[in-house]
């Protein structure tokens, strides 16, 4: 469970940072994904994939 939460936090931060930078470069108006709950399911799916990949690398 601890590794899942760490992977989740790491993935969440990384994805939100990438989206923030990409939207800033494209629109000059960054979208801060940390405060939009309607996209949490999409981000959660990305984190789950990242968690599975990280788990395979660790083993």
N, C-alpha and C. Protein backbone atom coordinates (compact mmCIF):
# COMPACT_ATOMS: atom_id res chain seq x y z
N UNK A 1 0.83 -1.20 0.00
CA UNK A 1 0.00 0.00 0.00
C UNK A 1 0.88 1.26 0.00
N UNK A 2 1.96 1.21 0.75
CA UNK A 2 2.85 2.37 0.82
C UNK A 2 3.45 2.67 -0.55
N UNK A 3 3.88 1.63 -1.27
CA UNK A 3 4.46 1.86 -2.60
C UNK A 3 3.41 2.40 -3.55
N UNK A 4 2.16 1.93 -3.39
CA UNK A 4 1.08 2.43 -4.25
C UNK A 4 0.88 3.92 -4.03
N UNK A 5 0.83 4.33 -2.76
CA UNK A 5 0.61 5.75 -2.45
C UNK A 5 1.78 6.61 -2.92
N UNK A 6 3.00 6.10 -2.76
CA UNK A 6 4.17 6.84 -3.24
C UNK A 6 4.15 6.97 -4.76
N UNK A 7 3.82 5.87 -5.44
CA UNK A 7 3.72 5.90 -6.90
C UNK A 7 2.63 6.85 -7.35
N UNK A 8 1.51 6.83 -6.62
CA UNK A 8 0.38 7.70 -6.95
C UNK A 8 0.78 9.17 -6.83
N UNK A 9 1.41 9.51 -5.71
CA UNK A 9 1.82 10.90 -5.48
C UNK A 9 2.84 11.35 -6.52
N UNK A 10 3.80 10.47 -6.81
CA UNK A 10 4.84 10.80 -7.79
C UNK A 10 4.23 10.98 -9.17
N UNK A 11 3.37 10.06 -9.56
CA UNK A 11 2.72 10.14 -10.87
C UNK A 11 1.84 11.36 -10.99
N UNK A 12 1.10 11.65 -9.92
CA UNK A 12 0.19 12.80 -9.93
C UNK A 12 0.96 14.10 -10.11
N UNK A 13 2.03 14.23 -9.36
CA UNK A 13 2.85 15.44 -9.45
C UNK A 13 3.45 15.58 -10.84
N UNK A 14 4.00 14.48 -11.37
CA UNK A 14 4.64 14.51 -12.68
C UNK A 14 3.65 14.89 -13.77
N UNK A 15 2.49 14.22 -13.78
CA UNK A 15 1.49 14.48 -14.82
C UNK A 15 0.97 15.91 -14.73
N UNK A 16 0.69 16.38 -13.51
CA UNK A 16 0.16 17.74 -13.37
C UNK A 16 1.21 18.77 -13.79
N UNK A 17 2.48 18.49 -13.50
CA UNK A 17 3.55 19.39 -13.90
C UNK A 17 3.68 19.44 -15.43
N UNK A 18 3.62 18.27 -16.08
CA UNK A 18 3.71 18.22 -17.54
C UNK A 18 2.55 18.97 -18.18
N UNK A 19 1.33 18.74 -17.67
CA UNK A 19 0.16 19.43 -18.22
C UNK A 19 0.29 20.94 -18.01
N UNK A 20 0.76 21.32 -16.84
CA UNK A 20 0.93 22.76 -16.53
C UNK A 20 1.89 23.41 -17.52
N UNK A 21 3.05 22.78 -17.74
CA UNK A 21 4.05 23.34 -18.65
C UNK A 21 3.53 23.36 -20.09
N UNK A 22 2.89 22.26 -20.52
CA UNK A 22 2.38 22.18 -21.89
C UNK A 22 1.33 23.24 -22.15
N UNK A 23 0.38 23.40 -21.22
CA UNK A 23 -0.67 24.41 -21.42
C UNK A 23 -0.08 25.82 -21.35
N UNK A 24 0.95 26.01 -20.54
CA UNK A 24 1.59 27.33 -20.46
C UNK A 24 2.25 27.68 -21.80
N UNK A 25 2.95 26.69 -22.38
CA UNK A 25 3.65 26.94 -23.64
C UNK A 25 2.67 27.16 -24.79
N UNK A 26 1.56 26.39 -24.79
CA UNK A 26 0.60 26.49 -25.90
C UNK A 26 -0.29 27.72 -25.75
N UNK A 27 -0.85 27.91 -24.56
CA UNK A 27 -1.88 28.94 -24.38
C UNK A 27 -1.38 30.19 -23.66
N UNK A 28 -0.17 30.11 -23.08
CA UNK A 28 0.33 31.16 -22.18
C UNK A 28 -0.66 31.41 -21.03
N UNK A 29 -1.43 30.36 -20.73
CA UNK A 29 -2.43 30.44 -19.66
C UNK A 29 -2.51 29.05 -19.03
N UNK A 30 -1.62 28.74 -18.10
CA UNK A 30 -1.52 27.38 -17.59
C UNK A 30 -2.77 26.89 -16.88
N UNK A 31 -3.06 25.60 -17.06
CA UNK A 31 -4.16 24.96 -16.36
C UNK A 31 -3.56 24.20 -15.19
N UNK A 32 -3.87 24.62 -13.99
CA UNK A 32 -3.33 23.95 -12.81
C UNK A 32 -4.23 22.77 -12.47
N UNK A 33 -3.79 21.57 -12.84
CA UNK A 33 -4.62 20.37 -12.72
C UNK A 33 -4.84 19.93 -11.29
N UNK A 34 -4.06 20.46 -10.35
CA UNK A 34 -4.22 20.03 -8.96
C UNK A 34 -5.58 20.42 -8.39
N UNK A 35 -6.24 21.39 -9.00
CA UNK A 35 -7.48 21.91 -8.43
C UNK A 35 -8.71 21.67 -9.29
N UNK A 36 -8.64 20.71 -10.22
CA UNK A 36 -9.80 20.39 -11.05
C UNK A 36 -10.26 18.97 -10.78
N UNK A 37 -11.22 18.77 -9.88
CA UNK A 37 -11.63 17.40 -9.52
C UNK A 37 -12.28 16.62 -10.65
N UNK A 38 -12.81 17.28 -11.68
CA UNK A 38 -13.49 16.54 -12.74
C UNK A 38 -12.52 15.72 -13.60
N UNK A 39 -11.22 16.03 -13.57
CA UNK A 39 -10.27 15.23 -14.36
C UNK A 39 -9.53 14.21 -13.50
N UNK A 40 -9.90 14.09 -12.22
CA UNK A 40 -9.24 13.11 -11.36
C UNK A 40 -9.34 11.67 -11.89
N UNK A 41 -10.50 11.22 -12.41
CA UNK A 41 -10.56 9.84 -12.93
C UNK A 41 -9.57 9.59 -14.06
N UNK A 42 -9.38 10.57 -14.94
CA UNK A 42 -8.42 10.43 -16.04
C UNK A 42 -7.01 10.33 -15.48
N UNK A 43 -6.67 11.22 -14.55
CA UNK A 43 -5.35 11.20 -13.94
C UNK A 43 -5.14 9.91 -13.16
N UNK A 44 -6.18 9.45 -12.48
CA UNK A 44 -6.06 8.21 -11.71
C UNK A 44 -5.72 7.04 -12.63
N UNK A 45 -6.32 7.01 -13.81
CA UNK A 45 -6.00 5.97 -14.79
C UNK A 45 -4.53 6.04 -15.20
N UNK A 46 -4.03 7.25 -15.42
CA UNK A 46 -2.62 7.42 -15.77
C UNK A 46 -1.70 6.97 -14.64
N UNK A 47 -2.09 7.30 -13.40
CA UNK A 47 -1.26 6.91 -12.26
C UNK A 47 -1.23 5.41 -12.11
N UNK A 48 -2.38 4.77 -12.36
CA UNK A 48 -2.44 3.32 -12.21
C UNK A 48 -1.51 2.65 -13.22
N UNK A 49 -1.52 3.16 -14.45
CA UNK A 49 -0.60 2.63 -15.46
C UNK A 49 0.85 2.86 -15.04
N UNK A 50 1.15 4.04 -14.53
CA UNK A 50 2.50 4.34 -14.07
C UNK A 50 2.90 3.45 -12.91
N UNK A 51 1.95 3.18 -12.02
CA UNK A 51 2.21 2.32 -10.88
C UNK A 51 2.54 0.91 -11.33
N UNK A 52 1.79 0.40 -12.33
CA UNK A 52 2.05 -0.95 -12.83
C UNK A 52 3.43 -1.02 -13.49
N UNK A 53 3.78 0.01 -14.24
CA UNK A 53 5.10 0.04 -14.89
C UNK A 53 6.20 0.10 -13.85
N UNK A 54 6.04 0.97 -12.83
CA UNK A 54 7.04 1.07 -11.77
C UNK A 54 7.19 -0.24 -11.02
N UNK A 55 6.08 -0.92 -10.78
CA UNK A 55 6.12 -2.19 -10.05
C UNK A 55 6.90 -3.23 -10.85
N UNK A 56 6.72 -3.25 -12.18
CA UNK A 56 7.45 -4.20 -13.02
C UNK A 56 8.95 -3.90 -12.99
N UNK A 57 9.31 -2.62 -12.98
CA UNK A 57 10.72 -2.24 -12.96
C UNK A 57 11.39 -2.64 -11.65
N UNK A 58 10.64 -2.54 -10.54
CA UNK A 58 11.20 -2.86 -9.23
C UNK A 58 11.47 -4.35 -9.10
N UNK A 59 10.55 -5.17 -9.64
CA UNK A 59 10.69 -6.63 -9.48
C UNK A 59 11.83 -7.22 -10.28
